Full PDB file with SEQRES, HELIX, SHEET, SSBOND, CRYST1, ORIGX, SCALE, CONECT and MASTER records, all heavy atoms in Angstrom:
SEQRES   1 A   44  GLU HIS ALA LEU ALA LEU GLY ALA ASP ALA LEU LEU ILE          
SEQRES   2 A   44  GLN ARG HIS GLY LEU ALA GLY PRO ALA PRO SER GLU GLN          
SEQRES   3 A   44  LEU LEU GLN SER GLU LEU LEU SER SER LEU TYR GLY THR          
SEQRES   4 A   44  PRO ILE GLU ALA VAL                                          
HELIX    1 AA1 HIS A    2  ALA A    5  1                                   4    
HELIX    2 AA2 SER A   24  LEU A   27  1                                   4    
HELIX    3 AA3 SER A   30  TYR A   37  1                                   8    
SHEET    1 AA1 2 ASP A   9  GLN A  14  0                                        
SHEET    2 AA1 2 GLY A  17  PRO A  23 -1                                        
CRYST1    1.000    1.000    1.000  90.00  90.00  90.00 P 1           1          
ORIGX1      1.000000  0.000000  0.000000        0.00000                         
ORIGX2      0.000000  1.000000  0.000000        0.00000                         
ORIGX3      0.000000  0.000000  1.000000        0.00000                         
SCALE1      1.000000  0.000000  0.000000        0.00000                         
SCALE2      0.000000  1.000000  0.000000        0.00000                         
SCALE3      0.000000  0.000000  1.000000        0.00000                         
ATOM      1  N   GLU A   1       0.795  -1.218   0.068  1.00  0.00           N  
ATOM      2  CA  GLU A   1      -0.022  -0.035   0.022  1.00  0.00           C  
ATOM      3  C   GLU A   1       0.863   1.263   0.044  1.00  0.00           C  
ATOM      4  O   GLU A   1       0.469   2.277  -0.477  1.00  0.00           O  
ATOM      5  CB  GLU A   1      -0.936   0.012   1.195  1.00  0.00           C  
ATOM      6  CG  GLU A   1      -2.019  -1.058   1.162  1.00  0.00           C  
ATOM      7  CD  GLU A   1      -1.574  -2.367   1.812  1.00  0.00           C  
ATOM      8  OE1 GLU A   1      -0.472  -2.470   2.068  1.00  0.00           O  
ATOM      9  OE2 GLU A   1      -2.341  -3.229   1.971  1.00  0.00           O  
ATOM     10  N   HIS A   2       2.133   1.217   0.662  1.00  0.00           N  
ATOM     11  CA  HIS A   2       2.962   2.376   0.691  1.00  0.00           C  
ATOM     12  C   HIS A   2       3.477   2.713  -0.708  1.00  0.00           C  
ATOM     13  O   HIS A   2       3.600   3.800  -1.168  1.00  0.00           O  
ATOM     14  CB  HIS A   2       4.060   2.180   1.604  1.00  0.00           C  
ATOM     15  CG  HIS A   2       3.605   2.235   3.035  1.00  0.00           C  
ATOM     16  ND1 HIS A   2       4.566   2.037   4.153  1.00  0.00           N  
ATOM     17  CD2 HIS A   2       2.403   2.482   3.591  1.00  0.00           C  
ATOM     18  CE1 HIS A   2       3.795   2.235   5.208  1.00  0.00           C  
ATOM     19  NE2 HIS A   2       2.611   2.367   4.978  1.00  0.00           N  
ATOM     20  N   ALA A   3       3.707   1.696  -1.567  1.00  0.00           N  
ATOM     21  CA  ALA A   3       4.174   1.913  -2.980  1.00  0.00           C  
ATOM     22  C   ALA A   3       3.142   2.724  -3.707  1.00  0.00           C  
ATOM     23  O   ALA A   3       3.309   3.504  -4.497  1.00  0.00           O  
ATOM     24  CB  ALA A   3       4.582   0.616  -3.549  1.00  0.00           C  
ATOM     25  N   LEU A   4       1.791   2.086  -3.462  1.00  0.00           N  
ATOM     26  CA  LEU A   4       0.753   2.784  -4.178  1.00  0.00           C  
ATOM     27  C   LEU A   4       0.448   4.275  -3.676  1.00  0.00           C  
ATOM     28  O   LEU A   4       0.235   5.136  -4.439  1.00  0.00           O  
ATOM     29  CB  LEU A   4      -0.645   1.980  -3.940  1.00  0.00           C  
ATOM     30  CG  LEU A   4      -0.528   0.459  -4.534  1.00  0.00           C  
ATOM     31  CD1 LEU A   4      -1.733  -0.210  -4.085  1.00  0.00           C  
ATOM     32  CD2 LEU A   4      -0.588   0.626  -6.124  1.00  0.00           C  
ATOM     33  N   ALA A   5       0.455   4.437  -2.376  1.00  0.00           N  
ATOM     34  CA  ALA A   5       0.283   5.770  -1.855  1.00  0.00           C  
ATOM     35  C   ALA A   5       1.427   6.738  -2.355  1.00  0.00           C  
ATOM     36  O   ALA A   5       1.132   8.035  -2.489  1.00  0.00           O  
ATOM     37  CB  ALA A   5       0.408   5.813  -0.371  1.00  0.00           C  
ATOM     38  N   LEU A   6       2.602   6.239  -2.577  1.00  0.00           N  
ATOM     39  CA  LEU A   6       3.683   7.091  -3.040  1.00  0.00           C  
ATOM     40  C   LEU A   6       3.755   7.353  -4.516  1.00  0.00           C  
ATOM     41  O   LEU A   6       4.385   8.254  -5.015  1.00  0.00           O  
ATOM     42  CB  LEU A   6       5.003   6.521  -2.629  1.00  0.00           C  
ATOM     43  CG  LEU A   6       6.377   7.343  -2.723  1.00  0.00           C  
ATOM     44  CD1 LEU A   6       6.243   8.609  -1.922  1.00  0.00           C  
ATOM     45  CD2 LEU A   6       7.602   6.556  -2.209  1.00  0.00           C  
ATOM     46  N   GLY A   7       2.820   6.636  -5.227  1.00  0.00           N  
ATOM     47  CA  GLY A   7       2.792   6.806  -6.620  1.00  0.00           C  
ATOM     48  C   GLY A   7       4.047   6.209  -7.346  1.00  0.00           C  
ATOM     49  O   GLY A   7       4.673   6.863  -8.299  1.00  0.00           O  
ATOM     50  N   ALA A   8       4.629   5.108  -6.694  1.00  0.00           N  
ATOM     51  CA  ALA A   8       5.974   4.664  -7.066  1.00  0.00           C  
ATOM     52  C   ALA A   8       5.840   3.515  -7.983  1.00  0.00           C  
ATOM     53  O   ALA A   8       5.006   2.847  -8.080  1.00  0.00           O  
ATOM     54  CB  ALA A   8       6.659   4.308  -5.730  1.00  0.00           C  
ATOM     55  N   ASP A   9       7.014   3.312  -8.778  1.00  0.00           N  
ATOM     56  CA  ASP A   9       7.268   2.078  -9.409  1.00  0.00           C  
ATOM     57  C   ASP A   9       7.499   1.044  -8.244  1.00  0.00           C  
ATOM     58  O   ASP A   9       8.158   1.406  -7.237  1.00  0.00           O  
ATOM     59  CB  ASP A   9       8.322   2.149 -10.401  1.00  0.00           C  
ATOM     60  CG  ASP A   9       7.865   2.916 -11.749  1.00  0.00           C  
ATOM     61  OD1 ASP A   9       6.731   3.173 -11.895  1.00  0.00           O  
ATOM     62  OD2 ASP A   9       8.805   3.281 -12.479  1.00  0.00           O  
ATOM     63  N   ALA A  10       7.187  -0.180  -8.651  1.00  0.00           N  
ATOM     64  CA  ALA A  10       7.624  -1.343  -7.793  1.00  0.00           C  
ATOM     65  C   ALA A  10       8.763  -2.131  -8.296  1.00  0.00           C  
ATOM     66  O   ALA A  10       8.764  -2.412  -9.572  1.00  0.00           O  
ATOM     67  CB  ALA A  10       6.425  -2.065  -7.383  1.00  0.00           C  
ATOM     68  N   LEU A  11       9.674  -2.610  -7.444  1.00  0.00           N  
ATOM     69  CA  LEU A  11      10.684  -3.501  -7.784  1.00  0.00           C  
ATOM     70  C   LEU A  11      10.758  -4.565  -6.694  1.00  0.00           C  
ATOM     71  O   LEU A  11      10.894  -4.365  -5.552  1.00  0.00           O  
ATOM     72  CB  LEU A  11      12.066  -2.782  -7.661  1.00  0.00           C  
ATOM     73  CG  LEU A  11      13.315  -3.477  -8.340  1.00  0.00           C  
ATOM     74  CD1 LEU A  11      13.085  -3.920  -9.677  1.00  0.00           C  
ATOM     75  CD2 LEU A  11      14.584  -2.608  -8.047  1.00  0.00           C  
ATOM     76  N   LEU A  12      10.621  -5.832  -7.093  1.00  0.00           N  
ATOM     77  CA  LEU A  12      10.402  -6.921  -6.243  1.00  0.00           C  
ATOM     78  C   LEU A  12      11.670  -7.899  -6.408  1.00  0.00           C  
ATOM     79  O   LEU A  12      11.970  -8.216  -7.459  1.00  0.00           O  
ATOM     80  CB  LEU A  12       9.143  -7.808  -6.619  1.00  0.00           C  
ATOM     81  CG  LEU A  12       7.822  -7.030  -6.678  1.00  0.00           C  
ATOM     82  CD1 LEU A  12       6.710  -8.002  -7.024  1.00  0.00           C  
ATOM     83  CD2 LEU A  12       7.515  -6.130  -5.655  1.00  0.00           C  
ATOM     84  N   ILE A  13      12.145  -8.223  -5.259  1.00  0.00           N  
ATOM     85  CA  ILE A  13      13.253  -9.216  -5.140  1.00  0.00           C  
ATOM     86  C   ILE A  13      12.655 -10.544  -4.927  1.00  0.00           C  
ATOM     87  O   ILE A  13      12.046 -10.870  -3.925  1.00  0.00           O  
ATOM     88  CB  ILE A  13      14.160  -8.900  -4.036  1.00  0.00           C  
ATOM     89  CG1 ILE A  13      14.944  -7.547  -4.194  1.00  0.00           C  
ATOM     90  CG2 ILE A  13      15.371  -9.882  -3.954  1.00  0.00           C  
ATOM     91  CD1 ILE A  13      15.816  -7.197  -3.110  1.00  0.00           C  
ATOM     92  N   GLN A  14      12.865 -11.369  -5.923  1.00  0.00           N  
ATOM     93  CA  GLN A  14      12.296 -12.822  -5.866  1.00  0.00           C  
ATOM     94  C   GLN A  14      13.281 -13.818  -6.385  1.00  0.00           C  
ATOM     95  O   GLN A  14      13.744 -13.620  -7.483  1.00  0.00           O  
ATOM     96  CB  GLN A  14      10.988 -12.859  -6.623  1.00  0.00           C  
ATOM     97  CG  GLN A  14      11.107 -12.347  -8.116  1.00  0.00           C  
ATOM     98  CD  GLN A  14       9.732 -12.485  -8.848  1.00  0.00           C  
ATOM     99  OE1 GLN A  14       8.741 -12.878  -8.267  1.00  0.00           O  
ATOM    100  NE2 GLN A  14       9.762 -12.321 -10.092  1.00  0.00           N  
ATOM    101  N   ARG A  15      13.524 -14.825  -5.541  1.00  0.00           N  
ATOM    102  CA  ARG A  15      14.363 -15.955  -6.015  1.00  0.00           C  
ATOM    103  C   ARG A  15      15.703 -15.456  -6.595  1.00  0.00           C  
ATOM    104  O   ARG A  15      15.857 -15.759  -7.829  1.00  0.00           O  
ATOM    105  CB  ARG A  15      13.679 -16.870  -6.808  1.00  0.00           C  
ATOM    106  CG  ARG A  15      12.483 -17.582  -6.181  1.00  0.00           C  
ATOM    107  CD  ARG A  15      11.733 -18.580  -6.960  1.00  0.00           C  
ATOM    108  NE  ARG A  15      10.602 -19.123  -6.361  1.00  0.00           N  
ATOM    109  CZ  ARG A  15       9.719 -19.933  -6.900  1.00  0.00           C  
ATOM    110  NH1 ARG A  15       9.905 -20.324  -8.267  1.00  0.00           N  
ATOM    111  NH2 ARG A  15       8.672 -20.534  -6.289  1.00  0.00           N  
ATOM    112  N   HIS A  16      16.428 -14.602  -5.981  1.00  0.00           N  
ATOM    113  CA  HIS A  16      17.685 -14.121  -6.501  1.00  0.00           C  
ATOM    114  C   HIS A  16      17.621 -13.198  -7.781  1.00  0.00           C  
ATOM    115  O   HIS A  16      18.526 -12.913  -8.362  1.00  0.00           O  
ATOM    116  CB  HIS A  16      18.708 -15.236  -6.863  1.00  0.00           C  
ATOM    117  CG  HIS A  16      18.968 -16.160  -5.528  1.00  0.00           C  
ATOM    118  ND1 HIS A  16      19.577 -15.780  -4.505  1.00  0.00           N  
ATOM    119  CD2 HIS A  16      18.406 -17.359  -5.396  1.00  0.00           C  
ATOM    120  CE1 HIS A  16      19.509 -16.823  -3.639  1.00  0.00           C  
ATOM    121  NE2 HIS A  16      18.793 -17.762  -4.044  1.00  0.00           N  
ATOM    122  N   GLY A  17      16.273 -12.880  -8.080  1.00  0.00           N  
ATOM    123  CA  GLY A  17      16.142 -11.910  -9.336  1.00  0.00           C  
ATOM    124  C   GLY A  17      15.174 -10.836  -8.924  1.00  0.00           C  
ATOM    125  O   GLY A  17      14.758 -10.705  -7.930  1.00  0.00           O  
ATOM    126  N   LEU A  18      14.839 -10.121 -10.073  1.00  0.00           N  
ATOM    127  CA  LEU A  18      13.947  -8.992  -9.795  1.00  0.00           C  
ATOM    128  C   LEU A  18      12.793  -9.153 -10.786  1.00  0.00           C  
ATOM    129  O   LEU A  18      12.799  -9.752 -11.852  1.00  0.00           O  
ATOM    130  CB  LEU A  18      14.672  -7.720 -10.235  1.00  0.00           C  
ATOM    131  CG  LEU A  18      15.955  -7.102  -9.273  1.00  0.00           C  
ATOM    132  CD1 LEU A  18      16.462  -5.918  -9.899  1.00  0.00           C  
ATOM    133  CD2 LEU A  18      15.413  -7.030  -7.810  1.00  0.00           C  
ATOM    134  N   ALA A  19      11.580  -8.633 -10.255  1.00  0.00           N  
ATOM    135  CA  ALA A  19      10.389  -8.383 -11.105  1.00  0.00           C  
ATOM    136  C   ALA A  19      10.222  -6.916 -11.121  1.00  0.00           C  
ATOM    137  O   ALA A  19      10.183  -6.193 -10.063  1.00  0.00           O  
ATOM    138  CB  ALA A  19       9.225  -9.094 -10.549  1.00  0.00           C  
ATOM    139  N   GLY A  20      10.132  -6.263 -12.278  1.00  0.00           N  
ATOM    140  CA  GLY A  20      10.095  -4.826 -12.403  1.00  0.00           C  
ATOM    141  C   GLY A  20      11.454  -4.273 -12.738  1.00  0.00           C  
ATOM    142  O   GLY A  20      12.297  -4.924 -13.150  1.00  0.00           O  
ATOM    143  N   PRO A  21      11.445  -2.951 -12.603  1.00  0.00           N  
ATOM    144  CA  PRO A  21      10.473  -2.100 -12.102  1.00  0.00           C  
ATOM    145  C   PRO A  21       9.241  -1.787 -13.006  1.00  0.00           C  
ATOM    146  O   PRO A  21       9.488  -1.901 -14.254  1.00  0.00           O  
ATOM    147  CB  PRO A  21      11.269  -0.704 -11.773  1.00  0.00           C  
ATOM    148  CG  PRO A  21      12.398  -0.709 -12.827  1.00  0.00           C  
ATOM    149  CD  PRO A  21      12.795  -2.292 -12.996  1.00  0.00           C  
ATOM    150  N   ALA A  22       8.124  -1.633 -12.580  1.00  0.00           N  
ATOM    151  CA  ALA A  22       6.888  -1.338 -13.219  1.00  0.00           C  
ATOM    152  C   ALA A  22       6.060  -0.497 -12.397  1.00  0.00           C  
ATOM    153  O   ALA A  22       6.104  -0.654 -11.184  1.00  0.00           O  
ATOM    154  CB  ALA A  22       6.309  -2.548 -13.697  1.00  0.00           C  
ATOM    155  N   PRO A  23       4.961   0.161 -12.951  1.00  0.00           N  
ATOM    156  CA  PRO A  23       4.039   0.911 -12.016  1.00  0.00           C  
ATOM    157  C   PRO A  23       3.489  -0.043 -10.999  1.00  0.00           C  
ATOM    158  O   PRO A  23       2.993  -1.304 -11.368  1.00  0.00           O  
ATOM    159  CB  PRO A  23       3.061   1.435 -13.112  1.00  0.00           C  
ATOM    160  CG  PRO A  23       3.807   1.573 -14.303  1.00  0.00           C  
ATOM    161  CD  PRO A  23       4.757   0.403 -14.347  1.00  0.00           C  
ATOM    162  N   SER A  24       3.468   0.439  -9.786  1.00  0.00           N  
ATOM    163  CA  SER A  24       2.790  -0.293  -8.677  1.00  0.00           C  
ATOM    164  C   SER A  24       1.464  -0.970  -9.029  1.00  0.00           C  
ATOM    165  O   SER A  24       1.173  -2.150  -8.715  1.00  0.00           O  
ATOM    166  CB  SER A  24       2.674   0.396  -7.457  1.00  0.00           C  
ATOM    167  OG  SER A  24       3.865   0.840  -7.010  1.00  0.00           O  
ATOM    168  N   GLU A  25       0.528  -0.177  -9.736  1.00  0.00           N  
ATOM    169  CA  GLU A  25      -0.769  -0.688 -10.104  1.00  0.00           C  
ATOM    170  C   GLU A  25      -0.707  -1.889 -10.921  1.00  0.00           C  
ATOM    171  O   GLU A  25      -1.688  -2.603 -10.869  1.00  0.00           O  
ATOM    172  CB  GLU A  25      -1.499   0.476 -10.584  1.00  0.00           C  
ATOM    173  CG  GLU A  25      -1.923   1.700  -9.770  1.00  0.00           C  
ATOM    174  CD  GLU A  25      -0.686   2.723  -9.747  1.00  0.00           C  
ATOM    175  OE1 GLU A  25       0.447   2.354 -10.302  1.00  0.00           O  
ATOM    176  OE2 GLU A  25      -0.904   3.611  -9.004  1.00  0.00           O  
ATOM    177  N   GLN A  26       0.236  -1.975 -11.777  1.00  0.00           N  
ATOM    178  CA  GLN A  26       0.504  -3.084 -12.709  1.00  0.00           C  
ATOM    179  C   GLN A  26       1.088  -4.302 -12.059  1.00  0.00           C  
ATOM    180  O   GLN A  26       0.723  -5.496 -12.248  1.00  0.00           O  
ATOM    181  CB  GLN A  26       1.224  -2.670 -13.961  1.00  0.00           C  
ATOM    182  CG  GLN A  26       0.454  -1.668 -14.843  1.00  0.00           C  
ATOM    183  CD  GLN A  26       1.343  -1.110 -15.898  1.00  0.00           C  
ATOM    184  OE1 GLN A  26       2.302  -1.879 -16.236  1.00  0.00           O  
ATOM    185  NE2 GLN A  26       1.028   0.047 -16.423  1.00  0.00           N  
ATOM    186  N   LEU A  27       2.179  -4.159 -11.289  1.00  0.00           N  
ATOM    187  CA  LEU A  27       2.954  -5.281 -10.799  1.00  0.00           C  
ATOM    188  C   LEU A  27       2.448  -5.784  -9.447  1.00  0.00           C  
ATOM    189  O   LEU A  27       2.638  -7.017  -9.304  1.00  0.00           O  
ATOM    190  CB  LEU A  27       4.358  -4.667 -10.532  1.00  0.00           C  
ATOM    191  CG  LEU A  27       5.522  -5.722 -10.273  1.00  0.00           C  
ATOM    192  CD1 LEU A  27       5.612  -6.622 -11.547  1.00  0.00           C  
ATOM    193  CD2 LEU A  27       6.858  -5.060 -10.022  1.00  0.00           C  
ATOM    194  N   LEU A  28       1.862  -5.051  -8.670  1.00  0.00           N  
ATOM    195  CA  LEU A  28       1.420  -5.521  -7.252  1.00  0.00           C  
ATOM    196  C   LEU A  28      -0.019  -6.199  -7.485  1.00  0.00           C  
ATOM    197  O   LEU A  28      -1.029  -5.773  -7.057  1.00  0.00           O  
ATOM    198  CB  LEU A  28       1.381  -4.308  -6.260  1.00  0.00           C  
ATOM    199  CG  LEU A  28       2.668  -3.739  -6.075  1.00  0.00           C  
ATOM    200  CD1 LEU A  28       2.661  -2.621  -5.031  1.00  0.00           C  
ATOM    201  CD2 LEU A  28       3.847  -4.629  -5.628  1.00  0.00           C  
ATOM    202  N   GLN A  29       0.091  -7.474  -7.858  1.00  0.00           N  
ATOM    203  CA  GLN A  29      -1.046  -8.277  -8.060  1.00  0.00           C  
ATOM    204  C   GLN A  29      -1.027  -9.538  -7.118  1.00  0.00           C  
ATOM    205  O   GLN A  29       0.107  -9.784  -6.559  1.00  0.00           O  
ATOM    206  CB  GLN A  29      -1.085  -8.707  -9.547  1.00  0.00           C  
ATOM    207  CG  GLN A  29      -1.224  -7.622 -10.421  1.00  0.00           C  
ATOM    208  CD  GLN A  29      -2.418  -6.717 -10.324  1.00  0.00           C  
ATOM    209  OE1 GLN A  29      -3.459  -7.219  -9.945  1.00  0.00           O  
ATOM    210  NE2 GLN A  29      -2.231  -5.468 -10.686  1.00  0.00           N  
ATOM    211  N   SER A  30      -2.129  -9.982  -6.778  1.00  0.00           N  
ATOM    212  CA  SER A  30      -2.263 -11.135  -5.822  1.00  0.00           C  
ATOM    213  C   SER A  30      -1.332 -12.288  -6.123  1.00  0.00           C  
ATOM    214  O   SER A  30      -0.551 -12.779  -5.244  1.00  0.00           O  
ATOM    215  CB  SER A  30      -3.713 -11.666  -5.843  1.00  0.00           C  
ATOM    216  OG  SER A  30      -4.636 -10.593  -5.535  1.00  0.00           O  
ATOM    217  N   GLU A  31      -1.417 -12.736  -7.324  1.00  0.00           N  
ATOM    218  CA  GLU A  31      -0.480 -13.948  -7.589  1.00  0.00           C  
ATOM    219  C   GLU A  31       0.971 -13.766  -7.351  1.00  0.00           C  
ATOM    220  O   GLU A  31       1.643 -14.512  -6.879  1.00  0.00           O  
ATOM    221  CB  GLU A  31      -0.672 -14.428  -9.041  1.00  0.00           C  
ATOM    222  CG  GLU A  31      -0.036 -15.786  -9.375  1.00  0.00           C  
ATOM    223  CD  GLU A  31      -0.280 -16.129 -10.896  1.00  0.00           C  
ATOM    224  OE1 GLU A  31      -1.315 -15.590 -11.534  1.00  0.00           O  
ATOM    225  OE2 GLU A  31       0.280 -17.090 -11.372  1.00  0.00           O  
ATOM    226  N   LEU A  32       1.565 -12.604  -7.781  1.00  0.00           N  
ATOM    227  CA  LEU A  32       2.934 -12.272  -7.697  1.00  0.00           C  
ATOM    228  C   LEU A  32       3.269 -12.040  -6.273  1.00  0.00           C  
ATOM    229  O   LEU A  32       4.253 -12.559  -5.862  1.00  0.00           O  
ATOM    230  CB  LEU A  32       3.308 -11.071  -8.651  1.00  0.00           C  
ATOM    231  CG  LEU A  32       4.710 -10.717  -8.595  1.00  0.00           C  
ATOM    232  CD1 LEU A  32       5.575 -12.004  -9.086  1.00  0.00           C  
ATOM    233  CD2 LEU A  32       5.019  -9.544  -9.578  1.00  0.00           C  
ATOM    234  N   LEU A  33       2.509 -11.368  -5.467  1.00  0.00           N  
ATOM    235  CA  LEU A  33       2.805 -11.120  -4.063  1.00  0.00           C  
ATOM    236  C   LEU A  33       2.589 -12.324  -3.262  1.00  0.00           C  
ATOM    237  O   LEU A  33       3.311 -12.631  -2.323  1.00  0.00           O  
ATOM    238  CB  LEU A  33       1.824 -10.045  -3.534  1.00  0.00           C  
ATOM    239  CG  LEU A  33       1.925  -8.584  -4.012  1.00  0.00           C  
ATOM    240  CD1 LEU A  33       0.982  -7.661  -3.577  1.00  0.00           C  
ATOM    241  CD2 LEU A  33       3.406  -8.152  -3.593  1.00  0.00           C  
ATOM    242  N   SER A  34       1.668 -13.237  -3.631  1.00  0.00           N  
ATOM    243  CA  SER A  34       1.636 -14.533  -2.952  1.00  0.00           C  
ATOM    244  C   SER A  34       2.930 -15.332  -3.193  1.00  0.00           C  
ATOM    245  O   SER A  34       3.384 -16.018  -2.230  1.00  0.00           O  
ATOM    246  CB  SER A  34       0.318 -15.293  -3.348  1.00  0.00           C  
ATOM    247  OG  SER A  34      -0.880 -14.634  -3.169  1.00  0.00           O  
ATOM    248  N   SER A  35       3.352 -15.365  -4.351  1.00  0.00           N  
ATOM    249  CA  SER A  35       4.569 -16.097  -4.664  1.00  0.00           C  
ATOM    250  C   SER A  35       5.877 -15.433  -3.967  1.00  0.00           C  
ATOM    251  O   SER A  35       6.703 -16.196  -3.433  1.00  0.00           O  
ATOM    252  CB  SER A  35       4.881 -16.174  -6.190  1.00  0.00           C  
ATOM    253  OG  SER A  35       6.103 -16.755  -6.440  1.00  0.00           O  
ATOM    254  N   LEU A  36       5.824 -14.056  -3.865  1.00  0.00           N  
ATOM    255  CA  LEU A  36       6.883 -13.465  -3.218  1.00  0.00           C  
ATOM    256  C   LEU A  36       7.080 -13.751  -1.744  1.00  0.00           C  
ATOM    257  O   LEU A  36       8.075 -13.964  -1.266  1.00  0.00           O  
ATOM    258  CB  LEU A  36       6.706 -11.925  -3.505  1.00  0.00           C  
ATOM    259  CG  LEU A  36       7.722 -10.986  -3.006  1.00  0.00           C  
ATOM    260  CD1 LEU A  36       9.148 -11.161  -3.882  1.00  0.00           C  
ATOM    261  CD2 LEU A  36       7.395  -9.483  -3.010  1.00  0.00           C  
ATOM    262  N   TYR A  37       5.982 -13.713  -1.083  1.00  0.00           N  
ATOM    263  CA  TYR A  37       5.965 -13.862   0.396  1.00  0.00           C  
ATOM    264  C   TYR A  37       5.568 -15.236   0.829  1.00  0.00           C  
ATOM    265  O   TYR A  37       5.660 -15.463   2.027  1.00  0.00           O  
ATOM    266  CB  TYR A  37       5.018 -12.836   1.042  1.00  0.00           C  
ATOM    267  CG  TYR A  37       5.571 -11.429   0.883  1.00  0.00           C  
ATOM    268  CD1 TYR A  37       4.961 -10.503   0.069  1.00  0.00           C  
ATOM    269  CD2 TYR A  37       6.624 -11.024   1.535  1.00  0.00           C  
ATOM    270  CE1 TYR A  37       5.385  -9.285  -0.044  1.00  0.00           C  
ATOM    271  CE2 TYR A  37       7.137  -9.692   1.278  1.00  0.00           C  
ATOM    272  CZ  TYR A  37       6.507  -8.824   0.500  1.00  0.00           C  
ATOM    273  OH  TYR A  37       6.955  -7.473   0.575  1.00  0.00           O  
ATOM    274  N   GLY A  38       5.299 -16.186  -0.043  1.00  0.00           N  
ATOM    275  CA  GLY A  38       5.091 -17.554   0.256  1.00  0.00           C  
ATOM    276  C   GLY A  38       3.784 -17.732   1.159  1.00  0.00           C  
ATOM    277  O   GLY A  38       3.702 -18.750   1.920  1.00  0.00           O  
ATOM    278  N   THR A  39       2.737 -16.938   0.880  1.00  0.00           N  
ATOM    279  CA  THR A  39       1.497 -17.026   1.574  1.00  0.00           C  
ATOM    280  C   THR A  39       0.448 -16.353   0.678  1.00  0.00           C  
ATOM    281  O   THR A  39       0.697 -15.436  -0.005  1.00  0.00           O  
ATOM    282  CB  THR A  39       1.582 -16.343   3.005  1.00  0.00           C  
ATOM    283  OG1 THR A  39       0.292 -16.637   3.734  1.00  0.00           O  
ATOM    284  CG2 THR A  39       1.776 -14.828   2.820  1.00  0.00           C  
ATOM    285  N   PRO A  40      -0.806 -17.008   0.712  1.00  0.00           N  
ATOM    286  CA  PRO A  40      -1.783 -16.456  -0.116  1.00  0.00           C  
ATOM    287  C   PRO A  40      -2.205 -14.896   0.220  1.00  0.00           C  
ATOM    288  O   PRO A  40      -2.448 -14.689   1.336  1.00  0.00           O  
ATOM    289  CB  PRO A  40      -3.059 -17.324   0.017  1.00  0.00           C  
ATOM    290  CG  PRO A  40      -2.503 -18.615   0.554  1.00  0.00           C  
ATOM    291  CD  PRO A  40      -1.290 -18.115   1.275  1.00  0.00           C  
ATOM    292  N   ILE A  41      -2.216 -14.018  -0.705  1.00  0.00           N  
ATOM    293  CA  ILE A  41      -2.407 -12.694  -0.548  1.00  0.00           C  
ATOM    294  C   ILE A  41      -3.445 -12.282  -1.582  1.00  0.00           C  
ATOM    295  O   ILE A  41      -3.341 -12.593  -2.781  1.00  0.00           O  
ATOM    296  CB  ILE A  41      -1.162 -11.739  -0.704  1.00  0.00           C  
ATOM    297  CG1 ILE A  41      -0.133 -12.114   0.400  1.00  0.00           C  
ATOM    298  CG2 ILE A  41      -1.551 -10.309  -0.636  1.00  0.00           C  
ATOM    299  CD1 ILE A  41       1.201 -11.403   0.340  1.00  0.00           C  
ATOM    300  N   GLU A  42      -4.388 -11.451  -1.056  1.00  0.00           N  
ATOM    301  CA  GLU A  42      -5.467 -11.077  -2.067  1.00  0.00           C  
ATOM    302  C   GLU A  42      -5.599  -9.551  -2.167  1.00  0.00           C  
ATOM    303  O   GLU A  42      -5.461  -8.866  -1.123  1.00  0.00           O  
ATOM    304  CB  GLU A  42      -6.864 -11.527  -1.466  1.00  0.00           C  
ATOM    305  CG  GLU A  42      -8.086 -11.203  -2.438  1.00  0.00           C  
ATOM    306  CD  GLU A  42      -7.963 -11.964  -3.751  1.00  0.00           C  
ATOM    307  OE1 GLU A  42      -7.420 -13.112  -3.764  1.00  0.00           O  
ATOM    308  OE2 GLU A  42      -8.645 -11.458  -4.815  1.00  0.00           O  
ATOM    309  N   ALA A  43      -5.399  -9.116  -3.323  1.00  0.00           N  
ATOM    310  CA  ALA A  43      -5.584  -7.635  -3.618  1.00  0.00           C  
ATOM    311  C   ALA A  43      -7.102  -7.327  -3.594  1.00  0.00           C  
ATOM    312  O   ALA A  43      -7.844  -7.824  -4.486  1.00  0.00           O  
ATOM    313  CB  ALA A  43      -4.908  -7.210  -4.914  1.00  0.00           C  
ATOM    314  N   VAL A  44      -7.556  -6.417  -2.712  1.00  0.00           N  
ATOM    315  CA  VAL A  44      -9.059  -6.089  -2.654  1.00  0.00           C  
ATOM    316  C   VAL A  44      -9.072  -4.550  -2.887  1.00  0.00           C  
ATOM    317  O   VAL A  44      -8.443  -3.821  -2.214  1.00  0.00           O  
ATOM    318  CB  VAL A  44      -9.425  -6.403  -1.320  1.00  0.00           C  
ATOM    319  CG1 VAL A  44     -10.908  -6.092  -1.080  1.00  0.00           C  
ATOM    320  CG2 VAL A  44      -9.240  -7.958  -0.886  1.00  0.00           C  
TER     321      VAL A  44                                                      
MASTER        0    0    0    3    2    0    0    6  320    1    0    4          
END                                                                             
């Protein structure tokens, strides 16, 4: 939510690599965040 509030691009560190950077609204989706943190996350 802080990335969205800042109007920032998001850059995700996942499995020794990166996803992004891309606009937060596009990149921060349920499936990718669930994989990133290893737990089901729902974007509401």
